[in-house]
Amino acid sequence: MVEGPIPREHYLNLLRSSRDVPMIKVLTGMRRCGKSTLMSMFREELLESGVPQDKILYINLDDETDRSIDTHRKLIDAVKEALRPGKGTYLFFDEVQNVPEWERAVESFHISGADVYVTGSNSQMLSSEIATKLSGRCIEIPVYPLSFREYTEFRKTIGDETRAIDALFADYMRRGGLPAVALMEGGRRDLISLMLSGTYNTVYVKDVVERNEIRNAPLLSTVSRFLMKNVGDRTSVRNVTNYLVSKGMKTSAETVNNYISALESALLFHRAKRFDVKTKEYLRTSDKFYVSDLGIRNNEVGFHDRDLDGMLENVVYMELIRRHGNVSVCAVDGNEVDFMVSGAGGTAYYQVTMSIIDPATRERELQSLKAIADNYPKTIVTMDRYPIDDIEGTRIVNIVDFLMEQ
């Protein structure tokens, strides 16, 4: 049995290193991905380091008991009633986006000298406008569902360490990476399904329907299911709209675009834009969409072998944004490379395919990478355990081995 929360050292190290740094720390991520638990574990570390309890304040702004705090002014008053914010005090606010103009309260605490940490489940809470209001004094720490490496660590805590790594990966592809799901013992598919549907419904209702005051929930649900079914496929507002109209639903491209944006803002989906290597510009054409958690996706639209290519891409995409942050689809001379990453760690390209055993498939995947003239690293990630790990300078790696790398 599990005894207490399981540390996710990557995120805890980021919190430790940012402690007392004069910046507002903002943990963003989809609901149930572990933000609140990380915040709780970090508060425990503060206490163990000698910070007095009366210097730490935690407010859950998604809790019914704290619903009376519905303005930034009330949030300021609630904090001042509990303690005097200043140097040496630590303030934690969970789901802060529920308070209108929250940034005004948070900035006032920061200016007073308090070390402030907030979590939020809406990508727009760090829009350029809010970042401007915070005067650039914030550090964003994106928190995602468990990586596969983390998933294996969580499974070990409930006695699953003897299972073959490939079997655990098969589970991960079906169940996804929500921490609570990873900690489910045995094969209780009924409970796992209830947990996944409960998470999706909470995000869907609170962060999409209610927050955006959406009136046509059935249409929104169909848009969401369309994106889930088509992970990894090039998708445009036009083809989603055409699909809905073909199903007898009345809508417009503007409505569909707004609904997709709302689903993105709730962090249910991530958009990979297409980047032209030659022009160095993002293309205003169809993008690709990936779900934050495959478990939710599979629970809503089913797990089918025909979808494995897209699901495999989804796993690699989420791993790459954890590692690099900036991930796009790469277009070059009519060819397409699944992913290009860029950032402090440099540029690299990735192709994702179920298998390269077939010579024609292998050549097709290599051809797209060969079309890129630069010398940045190029990798093919596959389900195969291919006997050669390098073909003409392109690395070949099994997906499980890739995901388990440090």
Protein backbone atom coordinates (compact mmCIF):
# COMPACT_ATOMS: atom_id res chain seq x y z
CA MET A 1 0.00 0.00 0.00
CA VAL A 2 1.04 3.61 -0.63
CA GLU A 3 2.01 5.63 2.43
CA GLY A 4 1.77 9.35 1.74
CA PRO A 5 2.39 11.32 -1.47
CA ILE A 6 5.10 10.18 -3.87
CA PRO A 7 7.74 12.83 -4.62
CA ARG A 8 8.02 14.08 -8.20
CA GLU A 9 11.57 15.30 -7.89
CA HIS A 10 11.69 17.24 -11.15
CA TYR A 11 8.99 19.64 -9.98
CA LEU A 12 10.06 19.68 -6.34
CA ASN A 13 13.59 20.63 -7.38
CA LEU A 14 12.18 23.55 -9.36
CA LEU A 15 10.25 24.71 -6.30
CA ARG A 16 13.27 24.27 -4.03
CA SER A 17 15.53 26.23 -6.33
CA SER A 18 12.98 29.05 -6.63
CA ARG A 19 12.38 29.35 -2.88
CA ASP A 20 12.83 32.95 -1.70
CA VAL A 21 13.67 34.04 -5.24
CA PRO A 22 11.82 37.38 -5.58
CA MET A 23 9.41 36.09 -8.22
CA ILE A 24 5.81 34.83 -8.07
CA LYS A 25 5.82 31.07 -8.66
CA VAL A 26 2.92 29.85 -10.82
CA LEU A 27 2.21 26.14 -11.23
CA THR A 28 -0.05 25.57 -14.24
CA GLY A 29 -1.61 22.35 -15.45
CA MET A 30 -4.80 20.42 -16.00
CA ARG A 31 -6.83 19.54 -12.92
CA ARG A 32 -5.80 16.34 -11.13
CA CYS A 33 -2.31 16.32 -12.63
CA GLY A 34 -0.72 16.77 -9.19
CA LYS A 35 -0.25 20.52 -8.65
CA SER A 36 -1.94 20.63 -5.25
CA THR A 37 0.00 17.61 -4.01
CA LEU A 38 3.28 19.20 -5.07
CA MET A 39 2.33 22.39 -3.26
CA SER A 40 1.46 20.38 -0.13
CA MET A 41 4.74 18.48 -0.21
CA PHE A 42 6.70 21.69 -0.60
CA ARG A 43 4.89 23.23 2.39
CA GLU A 44 5.89 20.19 4.45
CA GLU A 45 9.51 20.72 3.41
CA LEU A 46 9.31 24.34 4.55
CA LEU A 47 8.09 23.22 7.97
CA GLU A 48 10.85 20.61 8.21
CA SER A 49 13.42 23.29 7.34
CA GLY A 50 12.33 25.33 10.36
CA VAL A 51 9.77 27.76 8.96
CA PRO A 52 7.12 28.31 11.68
CA GLN A 53 3.58 27.18 10.90
CA ASP A 54 2.24 30.69 11.49
CA LYS A 55 4.43 31.99 8.67
CA ILE A 56 2.76 29.72 6.09
CA LEU A 57 -0.74 30.28 4.71
CA TYR A 58 -2.60 27.99 2.31
CA ILE A 59 -5.94 28.86 0.71
CA ASN A 60 -7.78 26.53 -1.67
CA LEU A 61 -9.84 28.80 -3.89
CA ASP A 62 -11.62 25.83 -5.45
CA ASP A 63 -12.94 24.64 -2.08
CA GLU A 64 -16.54 25.28 -1.09
CA THR A 65 -15.44 26.71 2.27
CA ASP A 66 -13.38 29.39 0.53
CA ARG A 67 -15.95 30.30 -2.14
CA SER A 68 -16.71 33.53 -0.28
CA ILE A 69 -13.36 34.84 -1.54
CA ASP A 70 -14.68 35.95 -4.91
CA THR A 71 -12.79 39.22 -5.44
CA HIS A 72 -9.14 40.20 -5.23
CA ARG A 73 -10.03 42.58 -2.40
CA LYS A 74 -11.53 39.74 -0.33
CA LEU A 75 -8.42 37.67 -0.99
CA ILE A 76 -6.22 40.48 0.35
CA ASP A 77 -8.44 40.80 3.44
CA ALA A 78 -8.40 37.04 4.07
CA VAL A 79 -4.61 36.94 4.01
CA LYS A 80 -4.20 39.98 6.25
CA GLU A 81 -6.64 38.49 8.73
CA ALA A 82 -4.57 35.29 8.93
CA LEU A 83 -1.07 36.80 8.96
CA ARG A 84 0.86 39.87 8.00
CA PRO A 85 2.41 39.22 4.60
CA GLY A 86 6.05 40.22 4.41
CA LYS A 87 9.58 38.87 4.31
CA GLY A 88 9.74 35.39 5.79
CA THR A 89 6.12 34.53 5.06
CA TYR A 90 4.98 31.96 2.48
CA LEU A 91 1.61 32.22 0.74
CA PHE A 92 0.03 29.38 -1.26
CA PHE A 93 -3.11 29.82 -3.37
CA ASP A 94 -4.70 26.82 -5.08
CA GLU A 95 -6.74 27.31 -8.30
CA VAL A 96 -6.23 31.06 -8.11
CA GLN A 97 -7.91 31.67 -11.48
CA ASN A 98 -11.27 31.38 -9.68
CA VAL A 99 -10.76 34.87 -8.24
CA PRO A 100 -11.26 37.72 -10.74
CA GLU A 101 -8.21 40.00 -10.94
CA TRP A 102 -6.27 37.60 -8.75
CA GLU A 103 -3.02 39.04 -10.09
CA ARG A 104 -3.66 42.35 -8.29
CA ALA A 105 -3.81 40.61 -4.91
CA VAL A 106 -0.86 38.35 -5.64
CA GLU A 107 1.31 41.25 -6.76
CA SER A 108 0.50 43.18 -3.58
CA PHE A 109 1.67 40.22 -1.48
CA HIS A 110 4.80 39.91 -3.59
CA ILE A 111 5.61 43.60 -3.19
CA SER A 112 5.23 43.24 0.58
CA GLY A 113 8.06 40.69 0.54
CA ALA A 114 6.10 37.44 0.85
CA ASP A 115 7.15 34.37 -1.11
CA VAL A 116 4.06 33.59 -3.21
CA TYR A 117 3.08 30.33 -4.91
CA VAL A 118 -0.11 29.83 -6.93
CA THR A 119 -1.64 27.04 -8.98
CA GLY A 120 -4.07 27.39 -11.84
CA SER A 121 -5.89 25.16 -14.31
CA ASN A 122 -6.36 27.65 -17.10
CA SER A 123 -3.71 28.50 -19.67
CA GLN A 124 -5.02 32.05 -20.05
CA MET A 125 -4.14 32.95 -16.46
CA LEU A 126 -0.67 33.77 -17.74
CA SER A 127 -1.73 35.69 -20.82
CA SER A 128 0.50 38.51 -22.00
CA GLU A 129 -1.86 40.98 -20.32
CA ILE A 130 -1.53 39.35 -16.90
CA ALA A 131 2.21 38.87 -17.33
CA THR A 132 2.39 42.61 -17.97
CA LYS A 133 0.38 43.31 -14.81
CA LEU A 134 2.81 41.14 -12.87
CA SER A 135 5.59 43.24 -14.40
CA GLY A 136 7.40 40.10 -15.54
CA ARG A 137 7.90 39.03 -11.92
CA CYS A 138 6.70 35.46 -12.29
CA ILE A 139 8.12 32.01 -12.91
CA GLU A 140 5.78 29.56 -14.64
CA ILE A 141 6.22 25.89 -13.77
CA PRO A 142 4.07 23.77 -16.11
CA VAL A 143 2.93 20.54 -14.40
CA TYR A 144 1.85 17.66 -16.61
CA PRO A 145 0.37 14.22 -15.96
CA LEU A 146 2.99 11.60 -15.15
CA SER A 147 5.70 10.88 -17.67
CA PHE A 148 6.19 7.19 -18.35
CA ARG A 149 9.31 7.20 -16.20
CA GLU A 150 7.27 8.68 -13.32
CA TYR A 151 4.49 6.19 -14.01
CA THR A 152 6.86 3.26 -13.48
CA GLU A 153 8.02 4.79 -10.18
CA PHE A 154 4.42 5.20 -9.01
CA ARG A 155 3.58 1.60 -9.95
CA LYS A 156 6.55 0.34 -7.94
CA THR A 157 5.08 1.84 -4.78
CA ILE A 158 2.07 -0.51 -5.05
CA GLY A 159 4.12 -3.63 -5.70
CA ASP A 160 4.11 -3.55 -9.50
CA GLU A 161 7.88 -3.44 -9.91
CA THR A 162 8.13 -7.04 -11.14
CA ARG A 163 6.14 -6.43 -14.33
CA ALA A 164 8.01 -6.17 -17.61
CA ILE A 165 8.64 -2.61 -18.70
CA ASP A 166 6.83 -3.17 -22.02
CA ALA A 167 3.73 -4.37 -20.14
CA LEU A 168 3.79 -1.22 -18.01
CA PHE A 169 4.01 0.86 -21.19
CA ALA A 170 0.94 -0.91 -22.57
CA ASP A 171 -0.89 0.03 -19.35
CA TYR A 172 0.34 3.61 -19.62
CA MET A 173 -0.97 3.88 -23.17
CA ARG A 174 -4.42 2.78 -21.95
CA ARG A 175 -4.63 4.37 -18.50
CA GLY A 176 -2.71 7.59 -19.07
CA GLY A 177 -0.68 9.42 -16.45
CA LEU A 178 -3.01 10.92 -13.85
CA PRO A 179 -1.29 10.22 -10.50
CA ALA A 180 -4.44 8.86 -8.81
CA VAL A 181 -4.96 6.40 -11.67
CA ALA A 182 -1.34 5.24 -11.55
CA LEU A 183 -1.80 4.42 -7.87
CA MET A 184 -4.85 2.21 -8.45
CA GLU A 185 -4.02 -1.34 -7.38
CA GLY A 186 -5.01 -4.35 -9.44
CA GLY A 187 -7.12 -4.27 -12.55
CA ARG A 188 -10.10 -2.32 -11.23
CA ARG A 189 -11.11 -1.00 -14.62
CA ASP A 190 -14.50 0.10 -13.28
CA LEU A 191 -12.92 2.39 -10.68
CA ILE A 192 -10.33 3.66 -13.14
CA SER A 193 -13.08 4.51 -15.61
CA LEU A 194 -15.05 6.36 -12.94
CA MET A 195 -11.96 8.30 -11.89
CA LEU A 196 -11.13 9.29 -15.46
CA SER A 197 -14.69 10.31 -16.33
CA GLY A 198 -14.97 12.26 -13.07
CA THR A 199 -11.79 14.19 -13.85
CA TYR A 200 -12.87 14.92 -17.41
CA ASN A 201 -16.34 16.03 -16.33
CA THR A 202 -14.90 18.36 -13.68
CA VAL A 203 -12.54 20.00 -16.15
CA TYR A 204 -15.22 20.08 -18.86
CA VAL A 205 -17.87 21.68 -16.66
CA LYS A 206 -15.79 24.02 -14.48
CA ASP A 207 -13.01 25.10 -16.81
CA VAL A 208 -14.77 24.97 -20.17
CA VAL A 209 -18.57 25.26 -19.96
CA GLU A 210 -18.95 27.47 -16.89
CA ARG A 211 -15.85 29.60 -17.37
CA ASN A 212 -16.71 30.37 -21.00
CA GLU A 213 -20.49 30.49 -20.46
CA ILE A 214 -21.02 28.01 -23.27
CA ARG A 215 -24.67 27.43 -24.09
CA ASN A 216 -24.40 24.61 -26.60
CA ALA A 217 -22.73 21.94 -24.48
CA PRO A 218 -23.63 19.06 -26.87
CA LEU A 219 -21.83 20.82 -29.72
CA LEU A 220 -18.81 21.46 -27.50
CA SER A 221 -18.77 17.80 -26.48
CA THR A 222 -18.74 16.73 -30.12
CA VAL A 223 -15.83 19.07 -30.86
CA SER A 224 -13.91 17.59 -27.93
CA ARG A 225 -14.57 14.03 -29.04
CA PHE A 226 -13.53 14.89 -32.61
CA LEU A 227 -10.16 16.18 -31.39
CA MET A 228 -9.71 13.11 -29.19
CA LYS A 229 -10.44 10.71 -32.03
CA ASN A 230 -8.06 12.53 -34.35
CA VAL A 231 -4.96 13.02 -32.18
CA GLY A 232 -1.94 13.38 -34.40
CA ASP A 233 -3.96 14.20 -37.53
CA ARG A 234 -3.78 17.57 -39.24
CA THR A 235 -6.88 19.43 -38.13
CA SER A 236 -8.34 22.78 -39.10
CA VAL A 237 -11.35 24.77 -37.95
CA ARG A 238 -12.81 24.25 -41.40
CA ASN A 239 -12.70 20.44 -41.35
CA VAL A 240 -14.09 20.32 -37.81
CA THR A 241 -16.91 22.64 -38.88
CA ASN A 242 -17.61 20.55 -41.99
CA TYR A 243 -17.74 17.40 -39.86
CA LEU A 244 -20.27 18.95 -37.47
CA VAL A 245 -22.44 20.19 -40.31
CA SER A 246 -22.35 16.72 -41.91
CA LYS A 247 -23.78 15.40 -38.63
CA GLY A 248 -26.68 17.83 -38.87
CA MET A 249 -25.38 20.33 -36.31
CA LYS A 250 -25.80 24.03 -36.95
CA THR A 251 -22.63 25.96 -36.25
CA SER A 252 -20.05 28.34 -37.69
CA ALA A 253 -16.29 28.41 -38.05
CA GLU A 254 -16.12 31.19 -35.45
CA THR A 255 -18.02 29.10 -32.90
CA VAL A 256 -15.85 26.05 -33.55
CA ASN A 257 -12.70 28.13 -33.21
CA ASN A 258 -13.93 29.55 -29.88
CA TYR A 259 -14.77 26.06 -28.60
CA ILE A 260 -11.35 24.69 -29.55
CA SER A 261 -9.70 27.64 -27.80
CA ALA A 262 -11.78 26.97 -24.68
CA LEU A 263 -10.69 23.31 -24.63
CA GLU A 264 -7.07 24.38 -25.03
CA SER A 265 -7.38 26.95 -22.25
CA ALA A 266 -8.61 24.25 -19.89
CA LEU A 267 -5.38 22.39 -20.79
CA LEU A 268 -7.29 19.33 -22.01
CA PHE A 269 -5.55 19.69 -25.37
CA HIS A 270 -2.26 21.04 -26.69
CA ARG A 271 -1.85 22.48 -30.16
CA ALA A 272 1.28 21.76 -32.23
CA LYS A 273 1.64 24.47 -34.87
CA ARG A 274 3.28 23.79 -38.22
CA PHE A 275 6.64 25.47 -38.72
CA ASP A 276 8.24 25.94 -42.14
CA VAL A 277 11.97 25.26 -41.90
CA LYS A 278 12.75 27.28 -45.02
CA THR A 279 10.80 30.46 -44.25
CA LYS A 280 11.24 30.17 -40.46
CA GLU A 281 7.55 31.03 -40.04
CA TYR A 282 4.52 29.27 -38.61
CA LEU A 283 2.06 28.25 -41.30
CA ARG A 284 -1.54 29.42 -41.12
CA THR A 285 -2.86 26.04 -42.05
CA SER A 286 -4.08 22.98 -40.19
CA ASP A 287 -2.35 22.17 -36.88
CA LYS A 288 -2.18 18.99 -34.84
CA PHE A 289 -3.84 18.48 -31.46
CA TYR A 290 -2.79 16.20 -28.63
CA VAL A 291 -4.54 15.37 -25.35
CA SER A 292 -2.93 16.04 -22.00
CA ASP A 293 -3.88 12.57 -20.81
CA LEU A 294 -4.47 9.49 -22.97
CA GLY A 295 -6.41 7.80 -20.19
CA ILE A 296 -9.12 10.45 -20.38
CA ARG A 297 -9.08 10.22 -24.17
CA ASN A 298 -9.43 6.42 -24.18
CA ASN A 299 -12.18 6.53 -21.58
CA GLU A 300 -14.20 9.00 -23.65
CA VAL A 301 -13.78 7.66 -27.19
CA GLY A 302 -12.41 4.14 -26.69
CA PHE A 303 -9.09 2.40 -27.25
CA HIS A 304 -8.68 1.05 -30.79
CA ASP A 305 -5.68 -0.44 -32.56
CA ARG A 306 -6.33 1.78 -35.58
CA ASP A 307 -5.56 4.82 -33.39
CA LEU A 308 -2.19 3.57 -32.12
CA ASP A 309 -0.12 5.70 -34.52
CA GLY A 310 -1.71 8.91 -33.25
CA MET A 311 -1.56 7.77 -29.64
CA LEU A 312 2.13 6.98 -29.99
CA GLU A 313 2.68 10.48 -31.34
CA ASN A 314 0.70 11.82 -28.38
CA VAL A 315 3.00 10.11 -25.88
CA VAL A 316 6.13 11.43 -27.59
CA TYR A 317 4.69 14.95 -27.94
CA MET A 318 3.89 15.15 -24.21
CA GLU A 319 7.35 13.84 -23.35
CA LEU A 320 8.98 16.45 -25.57
CA ILE A 321 7.05 19.38 -24.06
CA ARG A 322 8.06 18.15 -20.60
CA ARG A 323 11.70 18.12 -21.67
CA HIS A 324 11.87 21.11 -24.00
CA GLY A 325 8.72 23.23 -23.69
CA ASN A 326 8.53 24.37 -27.30
CA VAL A 327 7.38 21.68 -29.76
CA SER A 328 6.04 22.17 -33.27
CA VAL A 329 5.32 20.15 -36.41
CA CYS A 330 8.01 20.68 -39.05
CA ALA A 331 7.21 21.32 -42.72
CA VAL A 332 10.01 21.18 -45.31
CA ASP A 333 9.64 21.09 -49.10
CA GLY A 334 6.31 19.32 -49.02
CA ASN A 335 7.52 16.79 -46.46
CA GLU A 336 6.55 16.72 -42.82
CA VAL A 337 8.56 15.80 -39.75
CA ASP A 338 6.41 14.98 -36.74
CA PHE A 339 8.18 17.20 -34.24
CA MET A 340 10.80 19.91 -33.99
CA VAL A 341 11.95 21.05 -30.56
CA SER A 342 13.77 24.29 -29.90
CA GLY A 343 14.93 26.09 -26.81
CA ALA A 344 17.86 26.40 -24.45
CA GLY A 345 18.84 22.80 -25.17
CA GLY A 346 19.07 23.45 -28.90
CA THR A 347 17.10 22.22 -31.90
CA ALA A 348 16.25 18.60 -32.71
CA TYR A 349 13.86 16.68 -34.97
CA TYR A 350 11.76 13.58 -34.26
CA GLN A 351 9.81 11.15 -36.39
CA VAL A 352 7.38 8.78 -34.66
CA THR A 353 6.23 5.53 -36.26
CA MET A 354 4.93 2.17 -35.14
CA SER A 355 7.54 0.26 -37.13
CA ILE A 356 10.39 0.74 -39.58
CA ILE A 357 10.84 -2.95 -40.38
CA ASP A 358 9.24 -2.46 -43.80
CA PRO A 359 11.89 -0.91 -46.12
CA ALA A 360 9.38 1.43 -47.80
CA THR A 361 8.20 2.79 -44.44
CA ARG A 362 11.77 3.16 -43.22
CA GLU A 363 12.79 5.11 -46.31
CA ARG A 364 9.72 7.36 -46.09
CA GLU A 365 10.45 8.28 -42.49
CA LEU A 366 14.13 8.90 -43.26
CA GLN A 367 13.35 10.93 -46.39
CA SER A 368 11.51 13.63 -44.45
CA LEU A 369 14.45 14.01 -42.08
CA LYS A 370 16.94 14.05 -44.96
CA ALA A 371 15.04 16.97 -46.49
CA ILE A 372 16.20 19.14 -43.56
CA ALA A 373 19.55 20.60 -44.55
CA ASP A 374 20.91 21.52 -41.11
CA ASN A 375 22.98 19.30 -38.84
CA TYR A 376 20.80 19.28 -35.75
CA PRO A 377 20.11 15.86 -34.16
CA LYS A 378 17.48 13.70 -35.87
CA THR A 379 15.70 10.76 -34.25
CA ILE A 380 13.15 8.12 -35.22
CA VAL A 381 11.13 6.83 -32.26
CA THR A 382 9.48 3.46 -32.92
CA MET A 383 7.87 0.50 -31.20
CA ASP A 384 10.53 -1.71 -32.82
CA ARG A 385 13.67 -2.81 -31.07
CA TYR A 386 15.59 -2.29 -34.27
CA PRO A 387 19.01 -3.99 -34.51
CA ILE A 388 20.70 -0.80 -35.73
CA ASP A 389 20.66 2.38 -33.62
CA ASP A 390 21.87 4.74 -36.36
CA ILE A 391 21.02 5.05 -40.04
CA GLU A 392 22.94 7.70 -41.98
CA GLY A 393 23.25 9.89 -38.91
CA THR A 394 19.64 9.45 -37.76
CA ARG A 395 19.24 7.85 -34.36
CA ILE A 396 16.80 4.91 -34.11
CA VAL A 397 15.36 4.32 -30.63
CA ASN A 398 12.63 2.18 -29.11
CA ILE A 399 9.91 4.31 -27.53
CA VAL A 400 10.20 2.69 -24.10
CA ASP A 401 13.96 3.21 -24.06
CA PHE A 402 13.41 6.81 -25.19
CA LEU A 403 10.87 7.52 -22.45
CA MET A 404 13.06 5.99 -19.74
CA GLU A 405 16.04 8.20 -20.55
CA GLN A 406 17.08 10.75 -17.93
